[in-house]
Amino acid sequence: MENSIVAGALEEMSANIFADYPDGPRDFYVYAEVDDGVIAPSLVQIYPDHMLWVVPRSIGKALYRMWQNAAEDKKWQAMTLEVRDGKFDAQFLYDPARQFDEETDARSKTAMHERFPDLPMRHPRYDPDALMRDFARHMGVKAVSFELEPQKDSASGSGENQ
């Protein structure tokens, strides 16, 4: 894999993380698995006393591009990315013989707890309205509200066939 592609993708991922999560700590940890047609990233914000699991929004393309540009015999199965004090450190797992016998979420939580064994993991409060607003913001869609005009009665003599 070309170092410039990896460095560019890691910088893009870090910038996207900072843009997506402007509030809270600026330290993050990502565990991601990528394969043909599968991109499974997990991300936590690192607080002094806990980790907060957040949904990574805009890092999938960079992950897939990095994985796709690796030579066929150098495809990685998983990667971690730690962002601390504005710097990033990435590690790649190259183990084609590894058997994945648990779900991706379980593997990512295991990796996060191995890296930060003393920090409990918390999940954000479930708020469906906030999720929809966040999704709309991410997709670049603005909320629109309107009322439908009542349909004109066909007996009004408009001359149109129904």
N, C-alpha and C. Protein backbone atom coordinates (compact mmCIF):
# COMPACT_ATOMS: atom_id res chain seq x y z
N MET A 1 0.85 -1.16 0.00
CA MET A 1 0.00 0.00 0.00
C MET A 1 0.90 1.22 0.00
N GLU A 2 0.53 2.15 -0.82
CA GLU A 2 1.33 3.36 -0.96
C GLU A 2 1.18 4.24 0.27
N ASN A 3 2.32 4.67 0.83
CA ASN A 3 2.28 5.48 2.06
C ASN A 3 1.51 6.77 1.89
N SER A 4 1.58 7.41 0.72
CA SER A 4 0.86 8.67 0.53
C SER A 4 -0.65 8.45 0.56
N ILE A 5 -1.12 7.31 0.05
CA ILE A 5 -2.55 7.00 0.09
C ILE A 5 -3.00 6.80 1.53
N VAL A 6 -2.21 6.03 2.29
CA VAL A 6 -2.54 5.78 3.69
C VAL A 6 -2.53 7.08 4.48
N ALA A 7 -1.47 7.87 4.34
CA ALA A 7 -1.37 9.13 5.08
C ALA A 7 -2.53 10.06 4.72
N GLY A 8 -2.85 10.16 3.43
CA GLY A 8 -3.96 11.01 3.01
C GLY A 8 -5.29 10.54 3.57
N ALA A 9 -5.53 9.23 3.55
CA ALA A 9 -6.78 8.69 4.08
C ALA A 9 -6.87 8.89 5.59
N LEU A 10 -5.76 8.69 6.30
CA LEU A 10 -5.76 8.89 7.76
C LEU A 10 -5.99 10.35 8.12
N GLU A 11 -5.38 11.26 7.36
CA GLU A 11 -5.62 12.68 7.60
C GLU A 11 -7.07 13.05 7.32
N GLU A 12 -7.62 12.50 6.23
CA GLU A 12 -9.02 12.76 5.89
C GLU A 12 -9.95 12.24 6.99
N MET A 13 -9.69 11.01 7.46
CA MET A 13 -10.51 10.45 8.53
C MET A 13 -10.43 11.30 9.79
N SER A 14 -9.23 11.70 10.17
CA SER A 14 -9.06 12.53 11.37
C SER A 14 -9.80 13.86 11.23
N ALA A 15 -9.67 14.50 10.08
CA ALA A 15 -10.36 15.78 9.85
C ALA A 15 -11.87 15.59 9.90
N ASN A 16 -12.37 14.50 9.31
CA ASN A 16 -13.81 14.24 9.33
C ASN A 16 -14.31 13.98 10.75
N ILE A 17 -13.52 13.27 11.53
CA ILE A 17 -13.90 13.01 12.93
C ILE A 17 -13.99 14.33 13.68
N PHE A 18 -12.97 15.18 13.54
CA PHE A 18 -13.00 16.48 14.22
C PHE A 18 -14.19 17.32 13.78
N ALA A 19 -14.53 17.27 12.49
CA ALA A 19 -15.66 18.04 11.98
C ALA A 19 -16.99 17.48 12.47
N ASP A 20 -17.11 16.15 12.52
CA ASP A 20 -18.36 15.52 12.94
C ASP A 20 -18.63 15.65 14.43
N TYR A 21 -17.57 15.74 15.23
CA TYR A 21 -17.70 15.78 16.69
C TYR A 21 -16.96 16.98 17.25
N PRO A 22 -17.52 18.19 17.03
CA PRO A 22 -16.82 19.40 17.49
C PRO A 22 -16.88 19.58 19.00
N ASP A 23 -17.81 18.90 19.66
CA ASP A 23 -17.95 19.05 21.11
C ASP A 23 -17.26 17.91 21.83
N GLY A 24 -16.87 18.16 23.05
CA GLY A 24 -16.24 17.12 23.86
C GLY A 24 -14.75 17.01 23.57
N PRO A 25 -14.15 15.93 24.07
CA PRO A 25 -12.70 15.79 23.91
C PRO A 25 -12.31 15.58 22.46
N ARG A 26 -11.09 15.92 22.13
CA ARG A 26 -10.58 15.79 20.77
C ARG A 26 -9.78 14.51 20.60
N ASP A 27 -9.85 13.61 21.58
CA ASP A 27 -9.15 12.33 21.51
C ASP A 27 -10.16 11.24 21.15
N PHE A 28 -9.81 10.43 20.14
CA PHE A 28 -10.71 9.40 19.64
C PHE A 28 -9.95 8.10 19.43
N TYR A 29 -10.71 7.01 19.41
CA TYR A 29 -10.14 5.71 19.08
C TYR A 29 -11.11 5.02 18.14
N VAL A 30 -10.59 4.54 17.01
CA VAL A 30 -11.39 3.88 15.99
C VAL A 30 -10.91 2.44 15.84
N TYR A 31 -11.86 1.52 15.77
CA TYR A 31 -11.58 0.14 15.38
C TYR A 31 -12.43 -0.11 14.15
N ALA A 32 -11.82 -0.58 13.07
CA ALA A 32 -12.57 -0.78 11.83
C ALA A 32 -12.17 -2.09 11.16
N GLU A 33 -13.16 -2.76 10.62
CA GLU A 33 -12.94 -3.92 9.77
C GLU A 33 -13.48 -3.59 8.39
N VAL A 34 -12.72 -3.98 7.37
CA VAL A 34 -13.12 -3.71 6.00
C VAL A 34 -12.90 -4.97 5.18
N ASP A 35 -13.83 -5.24 4.28
CA ASP A 35 -13.72 -6.36 3.35
C ASP A 35 -14.54 -5.96 2.12
N ASP A 36 -14.57 -6.81 1.12
CA ASP A 36 -15.35 -6.49 -0.08
C ASP A 36 -16.79 -6.20 0.30
N GLY A 37 -17.23 -4.99 0.06
CA GLY A 37 -18.61 -4.60 0.32
C GLY A 37 -18.95 -4.41 1.79
N VAL A 38 -17.98 -4.49 2.69
CA VAL A 38 -18.26 -4.34 4.12
C VAL A 38 -17.31 -3.30 4.70
N ILE A 39 -17.89 -2.29 5.35
CA ILE A 39 -17.10 -1.29 6.07
C ILE A 39 -17.74 -1.19 7.45
N ALA A 40 -17.01 -1.59 8.49
CA ALA A 40 -17.57 -1.65 9.84
C ALA A 40 -16.68 -0.89 10.82
N PRO A 41 -16.80 0.44 10.86
CA PRO A 41 -16.01 1.21 11.82
C PRO A 41 -16.77 1.42 13.14
N SER A 42 -16.04 1.46 14.22
CA SER A 42 -16.56 1.83 15.54
C SER A 42 -15.67 2.92 16.08
N LEU A 43 -16.25 3.86 16.81
CA LEU A 43 -15.48 5.01 17.27
C LEU A 43 -15.89 5.37 18.69
N VAL A 44 -14.90 5.70 19.52
CA VAL A 44 -15.19 6.22 20.86
C VAL A 44 -14.44 7.53 21.07
N GLN A 45 -15.10 8.45 21.77
CA GLN A 45 -14.43 9.65 22.25
C GLN A 45 -13.83 9.29 23.60
N ILE A 46 -12.59 9.72 23.84
CA ILE A 46 -11.90 9.38 25.07
C ILE A 46 -12.00 10.53 26.06
N TYR A 47 -12.73 10.30 27.14
CA TYR A 47 -12.84 11.25 28.25
C TYR A 47 -11.88 10.78 29.35
N PRO A 48 -11.56 11.63 30.33
CA PRO A 48 -10.66 11.19 31.41
C PRO A 48 -11.20 9.99 32.20
N ASP A 49 -12.55 9.90 32.34
CA ASP A 49 -13.11 8.85 33.20
C ASP A 49 -13.97 7.82 32.46
N HIS A 50 -14.11 7.93 31.13
CA HIS A 50 -14.91 6.96 30.38
C HIS A 50 -14.67 7.12 28.88
N MET A 51 -15.18 6.16 28.12
CA MET A 51 -15.21 6.23 26.65
C MET A 51 -16.67 6.41 26.26
N LEU A 52 -16.93 7.24 25.26
CA LEU A 52 -18.29 7.43 24.77
C LEU A 52 -18.36 6.89 23.35
N TRP A 53 -19.16 5.86 23.16
CA TRP A 53 -19.36 5.24 21.86
C TRP A 53 -20.18 6.20 21.00
N VAL A 54 -19.67 6.54 19.84
CA VAL A 54 -20.41 7.40 18.92
C VAL A 54 -20.47 6.71 17.56
N VAL A 55 -21.40 7.10 16.73
CA VAL A 55 -21.56 6.49 15.42
C VAL A 55 -20.66 7.23 14.43
N PRO A 56 -19.65 6.55 13.90
CA PRO A 56 -18.78 7.24 12.94
C PRO A 56 -19.53 7.48 11.64
N ARG A 57 -19.54 8.73 11.19
CA ARG A 57 -20.37 9.09 10.05
C ARG A 57 -19.62 9.14 8.74
N SER A 58 -18.52 9.83 8.71
CA SER A 58 -17.94 10.16 7.41
C SER A 58 -16.54 9.61 7.21
N ILE A 59 -16.25 8.45 7.78
CA ILE A 59 -14.91 7.88 7.60
C ILE A 59 -14.90 6.65 6.72
N GLY A 60 -16.07 6.16 6.34
CA GLY A 60 -16.16 4.93 5.56
C GLY A 60 -15.47 4.98 4.22
N LYS A 61 -15.63 6.08 3.49
CA LYS A 61 -15.01 6.18 2.16
C LYS A 61 -13.49 6.13 2.26
N ALA A 62 -12.93 6.85 3.23
CA ALA A 62 -11.47 6.86 3.39
C ALA A 62 -10.97 5.47 3.79
N LEU A 63 -11.70 4.79 4.68
CA LEU A 63 -11.32 3.43 5.06
C LEU A 63 -11.31 2.50 3.85
N TYR A 64 -12.39 2.56 3.09
CA TYR A 64 -12.50 1.65 1.95
C TYR A 64 -11.43 1.96 0.89
N ARG A 65 -11.16 3.23 0.67
CA ARG A 65 -10.13 3.62 -0.31
C ARG A 65 -8.76 3.09 0.12
N MET A 66 -8.47 3.20 1.42
CA MET A 66 -7.20 2.69 1.94
C MET A 66 -7.11 1.18 1.74
N TRP A 67 -8.18 0.47 2.06
CA TRP A 67 -8.20 -0.99 1.95
C TRP A 67 -8.12 -1.41 0.49
N GLN A 68 -8.88 -0.73 -0.36
CA GLN A 68 -8.95 -1.06 -1.78
C GLN A 68 -7.59 -0.87 -2.46
N ASN A 69 -6.81 0.11 -2.04
CA ASN A 69 -5.53 0.39 -2.69
C ASN A 69 -4.38 -0.49 -2.20
N ALA A 70 -4.66 -1.36 -1.23
CA ALA A 70 -3.63 -2.28 -0.76
C ALA A 70 -3.46 -3.40 -1.79
N ALA A 71 -2.23 -3.85 -1.94
CA ALA A 71 -1.97 -5.00 -2.83
C ALA A 71 -2.78 -6.19 -2.31
N GLU A 72 -3.19 -7.05 -3.21
CA GLU A 72 -4.06 -8.17 -2.85
C GLU A 72 -3.49 -9.03 -1.72
N ASP A 73 -2.18 -9.23 -1.73
CA ASP A 73 -1.56 -10.05 -0.68
C ASP A 73 -1.26 -9.24 0.59
N LYS A 74 -1.62 -7.96 0.61
CA LYS A 74 -1.37 -7.09 1.77
C LYS A 74 -2.66 -6.49 2.33
N LYS A 75 -3.79 -7.08 1.97
CA LYS A 75 -5.06 -6.57 2.49
C LYS A 75 -5.13 -6.81 3.99
N TRP A 76 -5.46 -5.77 4.72
CA TRP A 76 -5.59 -5.88 6.17
C TRP A 76 -7.01 -6.27 6.52
N GLN A 77 -7.15 -6.95 7.64
CA GLN A 77 -8.47 -7.38 8.09
C GLN A 77 -9.10 -6.37 9.05
N ALA A 78 -8.27 -5.69 9.81
CA ALA A 78 -8.78 -4.71 10.77
C ALA A 78 -7.72 -3.64 10.98
N MET A 79 -8.16 -2.49 11.43
CA MET A 79 -7.23 -1.41 11.75
C MET A 79 -7.72 -0.67 12.98
N THR A 80 -6.78 -0.04 13.66
CA THR A 80 -7.14 0.87 14.74
C THR A 80 -6.51 2.21 14.42
N LEU A 81 -7.19 3.25 14.83
CA LEU A 81 -6.70 4.61 14.65
C LEU A 81 -6.92 5.33 15.97
N GLU A 82 -5.84 5.80 16.56
CA GLU A 82 -5.95 6.58 17.78
C GLU A 82 -5.55 8.02 17.47
N VAL A 83 -6.43 8.94 17.81
CA VAL A 83 -6.18 10.36 17.62
C VAL A 83 -6.01 10.97 19.01
N ARG A 84 -4.82 11.48 19.29
CA ARG A 84 -4.50 12.08 20.59
C ARG A 84 -3.73 13.36 20.36
N ASP A 85 -4.17 14.42 20.99
CA ASP A 85 -3.49 15.72 20.89
C ASP A 85 -3.26 16.14 19.44
N GLY A 86 -4.25 15.85 18.57
CA GLY A 86 -4.16 16.26 17.17
C GLY A 86 -3.27 15.38 16.30
N LYS A 87 -2.70 14.32 16.86
CA LYS A 87 -1.85 13.40 16.09
C LYS A 87 -2.52 12.05 16.03
N PHE A 88 -2.25 11.31 14.97
CA PHE A 88 -2.87 9.99 14.86
C PHE A 88 -1.83 8.89 14.76
N ASP A 89 -2.24 7.72 15.25
CA ASP A 89 -1.42 6.52 15.20
C ASP A 89 -2.32 5.40 14.69
N ALA A 90 -1.95 4.79 13.59
CA ALA A 90 -2.75 3.71 13.01
C ALA A 90 -1.98 2.40 13.07
N GLN A 91 -2.71 1.34 13.36
CA GLN A 91 -2.15 -0.01 13.37
C GLN A 91 -3.04 -0.87 12.48
N PHE A 92 -2.43 -1.76 11.71
CA PHE A 92 -3.17 -2.62 10.80
C PHE A 92 -2.95 -4.09 11.18
N LEU A 93 -4.02 -4.88 11.15
CA LEU A 93 -3.95 -6.30 11.44
C LEU A 93 -3.93 -7.07 10.12
N TYR A 94 -2.82 -7.73 9.84
CA TYR A 94 -2.68 -8.56 8.66
C TYR A 94 -2.64 -10.01 9.13
N ASP A 95 -3.77 -10.68 9.15
CA ASP A 95 -3.81 -12.06 9.59
C ASP A 95 -4.88 -12.81 8.81
N PRO A 96 -4.56 -13.20 7.56
CA PRO A 96 -5.58 -13.84 6.73
C PRO A 96 -6.08 -15.17 7.31
N ALA A 97 -5.32 -15.80 8.19
CA ALA A 97 -5.74 -17.06 8.78
C ALA A 97 -6.66 -16.86 9.98
N ARG A 98 -6.78 -15.63 10.46
CA ARG A 98 -7.59 -15.36 11.65
C ARG A 98 -9.05 -15.69 11.37
N GLN A 99 -9.64 -16.40 12.31
CA GLN A 99 -11.06 -16.74 12.21
C GLN A 99 -11.85 -15.76 13.07
N PHE A 100 -12.77 -15.08 12.46
CA PHE A 100 -13.61 -14.15 13.20
C PHE A 100 -14.83 -14.92 13.69
N ASP A 101 -14.82 -15.25 14.97
CA ASP A 101 -15.89 -16.09 15.51
C ASP A 101 -16.90 -15.30 16.36
N GLU A 102 -16.85 -14.01 16.29
CA GLU A 102 -17.83 -13.19 17.00
C GLU A 102 -18.25 -12.04 16.10
N GLU A 103 -19.25 -11.32 16.51
CA GLU A 103 -19.76 -10.20 15.72
C GLU A 103 -18.77 -9.03 15.72
N THR A 104 -18.83 -8.22 14.69
CA THR A 104 -17.93 -7.07 14.57
C THR A 104 -18.04 -6.14 15.77
N ASP A 105 -19.25 -5.86 16.23
CA ASP A 105 -19.41 -4.97 17.40
C ASP A 105 -18.70 -5.53 18.62
N ALA A 106 -18.79 -6.83 18.82
CA ALA A 106 -18.12 -7.45 19.97
C ALA A 106 -16.60 -7.35 19.83
N ARG A 107 -16.09 -7.56 18.62
CA ARG A 107 -14.64 -7.43 18.40
C ARG A 107 -14.18 -6.00 18.63
N SER A 108 -14.97 -5.03 18.16
CA SER A 108 -14.57 -3.64 18.34
C SER A 108 -14.59 -3.26 19.82
N LYS A 109 -15.59 -3.68 20.56
CA LYS A 109 -15.64 -3.38 21.99
C LYS A 109 -14.48 -4.05 22.72
N THR A 110 -14.15 -5.27 22.32
CA THR A 110 -13.00 -5.95 22.92
C THR A 110 -11.72 -5.17 22.66
N ALA A 111 -11.53 -4.72 21.42
CA ALA A 111 -10.32 -3.95 21.07
C ALA A 111 -10.25 -2.65 21.87
N MET A 112 -11.40 -1.99 22.04
CA MET A 112 -11.42 -0.73 22.78
C MET A 112 -11.12 -0.95 24.26
N HIS A 113 -11.69 -2.02 24.83
CA HIS A 113 -11.43 -2.30 26.24
C HIS A 113 -10.00 -2.79 26.46
N GLU A 114 -9.42 -3.47 25.48
CA GLU A 114 -8.01 -3.85 25.60
C GLU A 114 -7.11 -2.62 25.59
N ARG A 115 -7.45 -1.64 24.77
CA ARG A 115 -6.63 -0.42 24.67
C ARG A 115 -6.81 0.47 25.89
N PHE A 116 -8.04 0.55 26.41
CA PHE A 116 -8.35 1.41 27.57
C PHE A 116 -9.06 0.57 28.64
N PRO A 117 -8.33 -0.32 29.30
CA PRO A 117 -8.97 -1.26 30.23
C PRO A 117 -9.61 -0.61 31.45
N ASP A 118 -9.18 0.57 31.83
CA ASP A 118 -9.71 1.21 33.04
C ASP A 118 -10.87 2.16 32.77
N LEU A 119 -11.24 2.32 31.50
CA LEU A 119 -12.31 3.26 31.18
C LEU A 119 -13.60 2.51 30.85
N PRO A 120 -14.67 2.78 31.58
CA PRO A 120 -15.95 2.16 31.21
C PRO A 120 -16.47 2.78 29.92
N MET A 121 -17.23 1.99 29.18
CA MET A 121 -17.80 2.49 27.93
C MET A 121 -19.24 2.93 28.18
N ARG A 122 -19.54 4.12 27.70
CA ARG A 122 -20.91 4.64 27.79
C ARG A 122 -21.45 4.82 26.38
N HIS A 123 -22.75 4.78 26.29
CA HIS A 123 -23.42 4.96 25.00
C HIS A 123 -24.25 6.23 25.09
N PRO A 124 -24.38 6.96 23.98
CA PRO A 124 -25.19 8.18 24.02
C PRO A 124 -26.66 7.85 24.32
N ARG A 125 -27.33 8.81 24.91
CA ARG A 125 -28.76 8.68 25.18
C ARG A 125 -29.48 8.52 23.86
N TYR A 126 -30.44 7.60 23.80
CA TYR A 126 -31.19 7.38 22.57
C TYR A 126 -32.24 8.47 22.42
N ASP A 127 -32.10 9.24 21.36
CA ASP A 127 -33.03 10.33 21.06
C ASP A 127 -33.33 10.28 19.57
N PRO A 128 -34.45 9.64 19.18
CA PRO A 128 -34.73 9.47 17.74
C PRO A 128 -34.85 10.79 16.98
N ASP A 129 -35.40 11.84 17.63
CA ASP A 129 -35.51 13.13 16.94
C ASP A 129 -34.13 13.71 16.64
N ALA A 130 -33.22 13.61 17.62
CA ALA A 130 -31.86 14.11 17.40
C ALA A 130 -31.17 13.30 16.32
N LEU A 131 -31.42 11.99 16.28
CA LEU A 131 -30.82 11.16 15.24
C LEU A 131 -31.30 11.58 13.85
N MET A 132 -32.59 11.87 13.73
CA MET A 132 -33.12 12.31 12.42
C MET A 132 -32.56 13.67 12.02
N ARG A 133 -32.45 14.60 12.98
CA ARG A 133 -31.87 15.91 12.66
C ARG A 133 -30.41 15.74 12.25
N ASP A 134 -29.69 14.89 12.97
CA ASP A 134 -28.29 14.64 12.66
C ASP A 134 -28.15 14.00 11.28
N PHE A 135 -29.01 13.04 10.99
CA PHE A 135 -28.98 12.38 9.69
C PHE A 135 -29.28 13.39 8.57
N ALA A 136 -30.27 14.23 8.79
CA ALA A 136 -30.61 15.24 7.78
C ALA A 136 -29.46 16.21 7.58
N ARG A 137 -28.82 16.61 8.67
CA ARG A 137 -27.67 17.52 8.56
C ARG A 137 -26.54 16.85 7.78
N HIS A 138 -26.29 15.60 8.11
CA HIS A 138 -25.22 14.87 7.45
C HIS A 138 -25.51 14.71 5.95
N MET A 139 -26.75 14.47 5.61
CA MET A 139 -27.12 14.27 4.21
C MET A 139 -27.30 15.59 3.47
N GLY A 140 -27.21 16.70 4.18
CA GLY A 140 -27.34 18.00 3.54
C GLY A 140 -28.78 18.35 3.22
N VAL A 141 -29.70 17.74 3.94
CA VAL A 141 -31.11 17.98 3.70
C VAL A 141 -31.62 18.91 4.79
N LYS A 142 -32.39 19.90 4.40
CA LYS A 142 -32.99 20.80 5.37
C LYS A 142 -34.41 20.34 5.64
N ALA A 143 -34.82 20.49 6.87
CA ALA A 143 -36.18 20.11 7.24
C ALA A 143 -37.16 21.03 6.54
N VAL A 144 -38.18 20.44 6.01
CA VAL A 144 -39.20 21.20 5.28
C VAL A 144 -40.56 20.80 5.84
N SER A 145 -41.41 21.76 6.04
CA SER A 145 -42.76 21.43 6.45
C SER A 145 -43.71 22.18 5.54
N PHE A 146 -44.80 21.55 5.19
CA PHE A 146 -45.77 22.16 4.28
C PHE A 146 -47.10 21.49 4.48
N GLU A 147 -48.14 22.14 3.97
CA GLU A 147 -49.48 21.56 3.97
C GLU A 147 -49.88 21.33 2.53
N LEU A 148 -50.57 20.23 2.32
CA LEU A 148 -51.07 19.94 0.98
C LEU A 148 -52.30 20.80 0.72
N GLU A 149 -52.38 21.29 -0.51
CA GLU A 149 -53.58 22.03 -0.88
C GLU A 149 -54.69 21.03 -1.12
N PRO A 150 -55.89 21.39 -0.75
CA PRO A 150 -57.00 20.47 -1.01
C PRO A 150 -57.16 20.24 -2.51
N GLN A 151 -57.47 18.99 -2.88
CA GLN A 151 -57.66 18.69 -4.30
C GLN A 151 -58.94 19.35 -4.78
N LYS A 152 -58.89 19.80 -6.02
CA LYS A 152 -60.07 20.43 -6.60
C LYS A 152 -61.07 19.34 -6.93
N ASP A 153 -62.30 19.65 -6.72
CA ASP A 153 -63.38 18.72 -6.98
C ASP A 153 -63.51 18.50 -8.48
N SER A 154 -63.69 17.26 -8.92
CA SER A 154 -63.78 16.97 -10.34
C SER A 154 -65.08 17.52 -10.93
N ALA A 155 -66.03 17.85 -10.10
CA ALA A 155 -67.28 18.41 -10.59
C ALA A 155 -67.16 19.89 -10.88
N SER A 156 -65.98 20.44 -10.69
CA SER A 156 -65.82 21.88 -10.89
C SER A 156 -65.76 22.25 -12.34
N GLY A 157 -65.84 21.25 -13.23
CA GLY A 157 -65.88 21.55 -14.64
C GLY A 157 -64.52 21.89 -15.23
N SER A 158 -63.47 21.27 -14.73
CA SER A 158 -62.14 21.60 -15.23
C SER A 158 -61.91 21.01 -16.61
N GLY A 159 -62.74 20.04 -17.02
CA GLY A 159 -62.59 19.48 -18.35
C GLY A 159 -61.51 18.43 -18.45
N GLU A 160 -60.84 18.08 -17.34
CA GLU A 160 -59.80 17.06 -17.39
C GLU A 160 -60.41 15.70 -17.12
N ASN A 161 -59.90 14.69 -17.80
CA ASN A 161 -60.36 13.32 -17.55
C ASN A 161 -59.74 12.81 -16.25
N GLN A 162 -60.51 12.11 -15.52
CA GLN A 162 -60.03 11.57 -14.24
C GLN A 162 -59.42 10.23 -14.44
